[in-house]
Amino acid sequence: MTRRHMVFGLCALVLGAPGIATADVGLPKPSDSIVAISVLGQACHGSGVVVNRRIRGDGTTAPFSIPAGFAFMVTGVDFVTGSAPGGGVPPGDRIGFVLRTVSSGVVIAEGYAINTGTLGSVSGSTVLSTPMRVTSALCLDRTVGAVIGGTRTWVRGFLFQNQ
């Protein structure tokens, strides 16, 4: 093989790579979007809980797991604390989450929000500009910060045929 053949082959690979990297990874239609949550999930990685439910379009919930042969493409995570009387986040404190895989503990996403006002509700959103491909169960840790009352967290994404 001559140097010219190697250079030509390398150029063809480089020019073809962008199409390969972006092929068919995207939300086919809005109704394919999944909002996953944890409802009394199993404990994982210390104070985390397994993401085990999904919210359907009609507001009901159903079991959630990643089917064999698919990946859950995580696109974002939203979180909010309650604001019941005497509850919420103390001034100057933060709330947040860490989302990781149950099997290996690899961090998929994390996010925080700081309360800059009085005791009350704080919310935040972490958008992943590049969806993270996950093929195993997710562990959600919502114990970041000193929250008085509960924190709700929604993991957003879609299922994609894993190739």
C-alpha atoms as a PDB file:
ATOM      1  CA  MET A   1       0.000   0.000   0.000  1.00  0.00           C
ATOM      2  CA  THR A   2       1.428   3.342  -0.987  1.00  0.00           C
ATOM      3  CA  ARG A   3       1.393   6.520   1.066  1.00  0.00           C
ATOM      4  CA  ARG A   4      -1.152   7.987  -1.365  1.00  0.00           C
ATOM      5  CA  HIS A   5      -3.560   5.081  -0.717  1.00  0.00           C
ATOM      6  CA  MET A   6      -3.229   5.537   3.049  1.00  0.00           C
ATOM      7  CA  VAL A   7      -3.868   9.294   2.820  1.00  0.00           C
ATOM      8  CA  PHE A   8      -6.867   8.738   0.549  1.00  0.00           C
ATOM      9  CA  GLY A   9      -8.286   6.131   2.955  1.00  0.00           C
ATOM     10  CA  LEU A  10      -7.802   8.457   5.921  1.00  0.00           C
ATOM     11  CA  CYS A  11      -9.545  11.329   4.089  1.00  0.00           C
ATOM     12  CA  ALA A  12     -12.494   9.083   3.220  1.00  0.00           C
ATOM     13  CA  LEU A  13     -12.773   8.006   6.871  1.00  0.00           C
ATOM     14  CA  VAL A  14     -12.652  11.572   8.194  1.00  0.00           C
ATOM     15  CA  LEU A  15     -15.187  12.867   5.662  1.00  0.00           C
ATOM     16  CA  GLY A  16     -17.542   9.964   6.305  1.00  0.00           C
ATOM     17  CA  ALA A  17     -17.287  10.005  10.122  1.00  0.00           C
ATOM     18  CA  PRO A  18     -19.712  12.883  10.853  1.00  0.00           C
ATOM     19  CA  GLY A  19     -22.530  11.036   9.114  1.00  0.00           C
ATOM     20  CA  ILE A  20     -21.720   7.866  10.999  1.00  0.00           C
ATOM     21  CA  ALA A  21     -21.577   9.609  14.372  1.00  0.00           C
ATOM     22  CA  THR A  22     -25.001  11.254  14.013  1.00  0.00           C
ATOM     23  CA  ALA A  23     -26.853   8.489  12.197  1.00  0.00           C
ATOM     24  CA  ASP A  24     -30.367   7.813  13.487  1.00  0.00           C
ATOM     25  CA  VAL A  25     -29.860   9.020  17.089  1.00  0.00           C
ATOM     26  CA  GLY A  26     -32.788  11.247  17.837  1.00  0.00           C
ATOM     27  CA  LEU A  27     -36.301  11.393  19.195  1.00  0.00           C
ATOM     28  CA  PRO A  28     -38.445   9.984  16.344  1.00  0.00           C
ATOM     29  CA  LYS A  29     -41.595  11.833  17.516  1.00  0.00           C
ATOM     30  CA  PRO A  30     -42.577  13.778  20.663  1.00  0.00           C
ATOM     31  CA  SER A  31     -44.869  11.007  21.884  1.00  0.00           C
ATOM     32  CA  ASP A  32     -41.780   8.741  22.188  1.00  0.00           C
ATOM     33  CA  SER A  33     -40.424  10.959  24.957  1.00  0.00           C
ATOM     34  CA  ILE A  34     -40.142   9.299  28.381  1.00  0.00           C
ATOM     35  CA  VAL A  35     -40.270  10.933  31.804  1.00  0.00           C
ATOM     36  CA  ALA A  36     -38.854   8.486  34.363  1.00  0.00           C
ATOM     37  CA  ILE A  37     -39.089   8.810  38.149  1.00  0.00           C
ATOM     38  CA  SER A  38     -38.349   6.840  41.291  1.00  0.00           C
ATOM     39  CA  VAL A  39     -41.254   5.732  43.468  1.00  0.00           C
ATOM     40  CA  LEU A  40     -40.095   3.799  46.533  1.00  0.00           C
ATOM     41  CA  GLY A  41     -37.215   2.427  44.463  1.00  0.00           C
ATOM     42  CA  GLN A  42     -34.538   0.094  45.825  1.00  0.00           C
ATOM     43  CA  ALA A  43     -31.583   1.752  47.535  1.00  0.00           C
ATOM     44  CA  CYS A  44     -28.413   2.162  45.468  1.00  0.00           C
ATOM     45  CA  HIS A  45     -25.018   3.844  45.896  1.00  0.00           C
ATOM     46  CA  GLY A  46     -25.554   5.051  49.449  1.00  0.00           C
ATOM     47  CA  SER A  47     -28.511   7.430  49.566  1.00  0.00           C
ATOM     48  CA  GLY A  48     -29.722   6.918  45.984  1.00  0.00           C
ATOM     49  CA  VAL A  49     -32.822   5.112  44.741  1.00  0.00           C
ATOM     50  CA  VAL A  50     -33.405   3.146  41.533  1.00  0.00           C
ATOM     51  CA  VAL A  51     -35.427   4.928  38.811  1.00  0.00           C
ATOM     52  CA  ASN A  52     -38.313   2.482  38.437  1.00  0.00           C
ATOM     53  CA  ARG A  53     -41.422   4.261  37.072  1.00  0.00           C
ATOM     54  CA  ARG A  54     -42.410   6.356  34.070  1.00  0.00           C
ATOM     55  CA  ILE A  55     -45.123   8.974  33.762  1.00  0.00           C
ATOM     56  CA  ARG A  56     -47.548   8.293  30.928  1.00  0.00           C
ATOM     57  CA  GLY A  57     -49.200  10.971  28.802  1.00  0.00           C
ATOM     58  CA  ASP A  58     -52.442  10.676  30.799  1.00  0.00           C
ATOM     59  CA  GLY A  59     -50.633  11.314  34.106  1.00  0.00           C
ATOM     60  CA  THR A  60     -50.660   7.731  35.364  1.00  0.00           C
ATOM     61  CA  THR A  61     -47.445   5.857  36.114  1.00  0.00           C
ATOM     62  CA  ALA A  62     -46.181   2.510  34.875  1.00  0.00           C
ATOM     63  CA  PRO A  63     -43.093   0.399  35.607  1.00  0.00           C
ATOM     64  CA  PHE A  64     -39.924   1.561  33.875  1.00  0.00           C
ATOM     65  CA  SER A  65     -36.877  -0.442  32.863  1.00  0.00           C
ATOM     66  CA  ILE A  66     -34.603  -0.383  29.847  1.00  0.00           C
ATOM     67  CA  PRO A  67     -35.551  -3.308  27.576  1.00  0.00           C
ATOM     68  CA  ALA A  68     -32.880  -5.657  26.240  1.00  0.00           C
ATOM     69  CA  GLY A  69     -31.511  -4.382  22.938  1.00  0.00           C
ATOM     70  CA  PHE A  70     -32.357  -0.749  23.728  1.00  0.00           C
ATOM     71  CA  ALA A  71     -30.645   2.220  25.335  1.00  0.00           C
ATOM     72  CA  PHE A  72     -32.307   4.997  27.303  1.00  0.00           C
ATOM     73  CA  MET A  73     -31.008   8.262  25.887  1.00  0.00           C
ATOM     74  CA  VAL A  74     -31.024  10.689  28.833  1.00  0.00           C
ATOM     75  CA  THR A  75     -31.692  14.226  27.591  1.00  0.00           C
ATOM     76  CA  GLY A  76     -32.230  16.091  30.855  1.00  0.00           C
ATOM     77  CA  VAL A  77     -33.185  16.103  34.515  1.00  0.00           C
ATOM     78  CA  ASP A  78     -35.611  18.498  36.260  1.00  0.00           C
ATOM     79  CA  PHE A  79     -35.944  18.914  40.030  1.00  0.00           C
ATOM     80  CA  VAL A  80     -37.996  20.940  42.512  1.00  0.00           C
ATOM     81  CA  THR A  81     -38.482  21.045  46.288  1.00  0.00           C
ATOM     82  CA  GLY A  82     -41.796  21.387  48.045  1.00  0.00           C
ATOM     83  CA  SER A  83     -42.855  24.691  49.568  1.00  0.00           C
ATOM     84  CA  ALA A  84     -45.249  23.547  52.295  1.00  0.00           C
ATOM     85  CA  PRO A  85     -45.305  25.826  55.363  1.00  0.00           C
ATOM     86  CA  GLY A  86     -41.980  25.408  57.173  1.00  0.00           C
ATOM     87  CA  GLY A  87     -40.540  23.428  54.272  1.00  0.00           C
ATOM     88  CA  GLY A  88     -38.235  24.060  51.363  1.00  0.00           C
ATOM     89  CA  VAL A  89     -34.584  25.013  51.138  1.00  0.00           C
ATOM     90  CA  PRO A  90     -32.894  27.287  53.716  1.00  0.00           C
ATOM     91  CA  PRO A  91     -31.427  30.553  52.350  1.00  0.00           C
ATOM     92  CA  GLY A  92     -27.947  30.070  50.876  1.00  0.00           C
ATOM     93  CA  ASP A  93     -28.235  26.282  50.731  1.00  0.00           C
ATOM     94  CA  ARG A  94     -28.393  24.190  47.588  1.00  0.00           C
ATOM     95  CA  ILE A  95     -30.448  21.287  46.327  1.00  0.00           C
ATOM     96  CA  GLY A  96     -29.621  18.965  43.521  1.00  0.00           C
ATOM     97  CA  PHE A  97     -29.210  15.469  42.230  1.00  0.00           C
ATOM     98  CA  VAL A  98     -26.650  12.979  40.985  1.00  0.00           C
ATOM     99  CA  LEU A  99     -27.795  10.469  38.341  1.00  0.00           C
ATOM    100  CA  ARG A 100     -25.579   7.417  37.831  1.00  0.00           C
ATOM    101  CA  THR A 101     -25.790   3.831  36.634  1.00  0.00           C
ATOM    102  CA  VAL A 102     -26.671   1.214  39.225  1.00  0.00           C
ATOM    103  CA  SER A 103     -24.191  -1.334  37.859  1.00  0.00           C
ATOM    104  CA  SER A 104     -21.003   0.748  37.702  1.00  0.00           C
ATOM    105  CA  GLY A 105     -21.805   4.030  39.426  1.00  0.00           C
ATOM    106  CA  VAL A 106     -20.753   6.065  36.379  1.00  0.00           C
ATOM    107  CA  VAL A 107     -22.200   9.585  36.721  1.00  0.00           C
ATOM    108  CA  ILE A 108     -24.553  10.401  33.833  1.00  0.00           C
ATOM    109  CA  ALA A 109     -25.622  13.871  35.004  1.00  0.00           C
ATOM    110  CA  GLU A 110     -25.664  16.093  38.045  1.00  0.00           C
ATOM    111  CA  GLY A 111     -27.108  19.485  38.803  1.00  0.00           C
ATOM    112  CA  TYR A 112     -27.626  21.964  41.596  1.00  0.00           C
ATOM    113  CA  ALA A 113     -29.606  25.119  42.391  1.00  0.00           C
ATOM    114  CA  ILE A 114     -28.901  27.564  45.231  1.00  0.00           C
ATOM    115  CA  ASN A 115     -31.626  29.309  47.208  1.00  0.00           C
ATOM    116  CA  THR A 116     -30.824  33.025  46.992  1.00  0.00           C
ATOM    117  CA  GLY A 117     -34.023  34.117  48.766  1.00  0.00           C
ATOM    118  CA  THR A 118     -35.955  33.132  51.871  1.00  0.00           C
ATOM    119  CA  LEU A 119     -36.893  29.609  52.985  1.00  0.00           C
ATOM    120  CA  GLY A 120     -38.968  28.092  50.202  1.00  0.00           C
ATOM    121  CA  SER A 121     -39.194  26.098  47.012  1.00  0.00           C
ATOM    122  CA  VAL A 122     -36.203  25.874  44.683  1.00  0.00           C
ATOM    123  CA  SER A 123     -36.127  24.269  41.239  1.00  0.00           C
ATOM    124  CA  GLY A 124     -33.610  23.563  38.529  1.00  0.00           C
ATOM    125  CA  SER A 125     -33.047  21.809  35.247  1.00  0.00           C
ATOM    126  CA  THR A 126     -30.025  20.134  33.701  1.00  0.00           C
ATOM    127  CA  VAL A 127     -30.212  19.739  29.926  1.00  0.00           C
ATOM    128  CA  LEU A 128     -27.747  17.360  28.289  1.00  0.00           C
ATOM    129  CA  SER A 129     -26.743  18.856  24.942  1.00  0.00           C
ATOM    130  CA  THR A 130     -25.613  15.395  23.888  1.00  0.00           C
ATOM    131  CA  PRO A 131     -27.973  12.610  25.058  1.00  0.00           C
ATOM    132  CA  MET A 132     -26.256  10.031  27.257  1.00  0.00           C
ATOM    133  CA  ARG A 133     -26.741   6.413  26.148  1.00  0.00           C
ATOM    134  CA  VAL A 134     -27.585   4.201  29.150  1.00  0.00           C
ATOM    135  CA  THR A 135     -28.236   0.469  28.911  1.00  0.00           C
ATOM    136  CA  SER A 136     -28.574  -0.400  32.605  1.00  0.00           C
ATOM    137  CA  ALA A 137     -30.753   0.756  35.490  1.00  0.00           C
ATOM    138  CA  LEU A 138     -30.345   4.305  36.803  1.00  0.00           C
ATOM    139  CA  CYS A 139     -29.675   5.410  40.389  1.00  0.00           C
ATOM    140  CA  LEU A 140     -30.957   8.838  41.448  1.00  0.00           C
ATOM    141  CA  ASP A 141     -29.493  10.555  44.524  1.00  0.00           C
ATOM    142  CA  ARG A 142     -31.610  13.523  45.615  1.00  0.00           C
ATOM    143  CA  THR A 143     -29.996  14.157  48.995  1.00  0.00           C
ATOM    144  CA  VAL A 144     -27.734  17.003  47.904  1.00  0.00           C
ATOM    145  CA  GLY A 145     -28.294  19.932  50.291  1.00  0.00           C
ATOM    146  CA  ALA A 146     -30.482  20.498  53.344  1.00  0.00           C
ATOM    147  CA  VAL A 147     -34.061  20.195  52.088  1.00  0.00           C
ATOM    148  CA  ILE A 148     -36.865  20.353  54.640  1.00  0.00           C
ATOM    149  CA  GLY A 149     -39.559  18.222  53.056  1.00  0.00           C
ATOM    150  CA  GLY A 150     -39.354  16.323  49.780  1.00  0.00           C
ATOM    151  CA  THR A 151     -37.668  16.791  46.440  1.00  0.00           C
ATOM    152  CA  ARG A 152     -39.204  15.658  43.176  1.00  0.00           C
ATOM    153  CA  THR A 153     -36.971  14.734  40.257  1.00  0.00           C
ATOM    154  CA  TRP A 154     -37.840  13.833  36.648  1.00  0.00           C
ATOM    155  CA  VAL A 155     -35.398  12.110  34.269  1.00  0.00           C
ATOM    156  CA  ARG A 156     -36.201  12.898  30.634  1.00  0.00           C
ATOM    157  CA  GLY A 157     -35.174  10.891  27.583  1.00  0.00           C
ATOM    158  CA  PHE A 158     -36.227   8.333  24.993  1.00  0.00           C
ATOM    159  CA  LEU A 159     -35.572   4.694  24.094  1.00  0.00           C
ATOM    160  CA  PHE A 160     -33.318   3.969  21.152  1.00  0.00           C
ATOM    161  CA  GLN A 161     -32.479   0.679  19.449  1.00  0.00           C
ATOM    162  CA  ASN A 162     -28.990  -0.100  20.768  1.00  0.00           C
ATOM    163  CA  GLN A 163     -26.646  -1.066  17.950  1.00  0.00           C
END
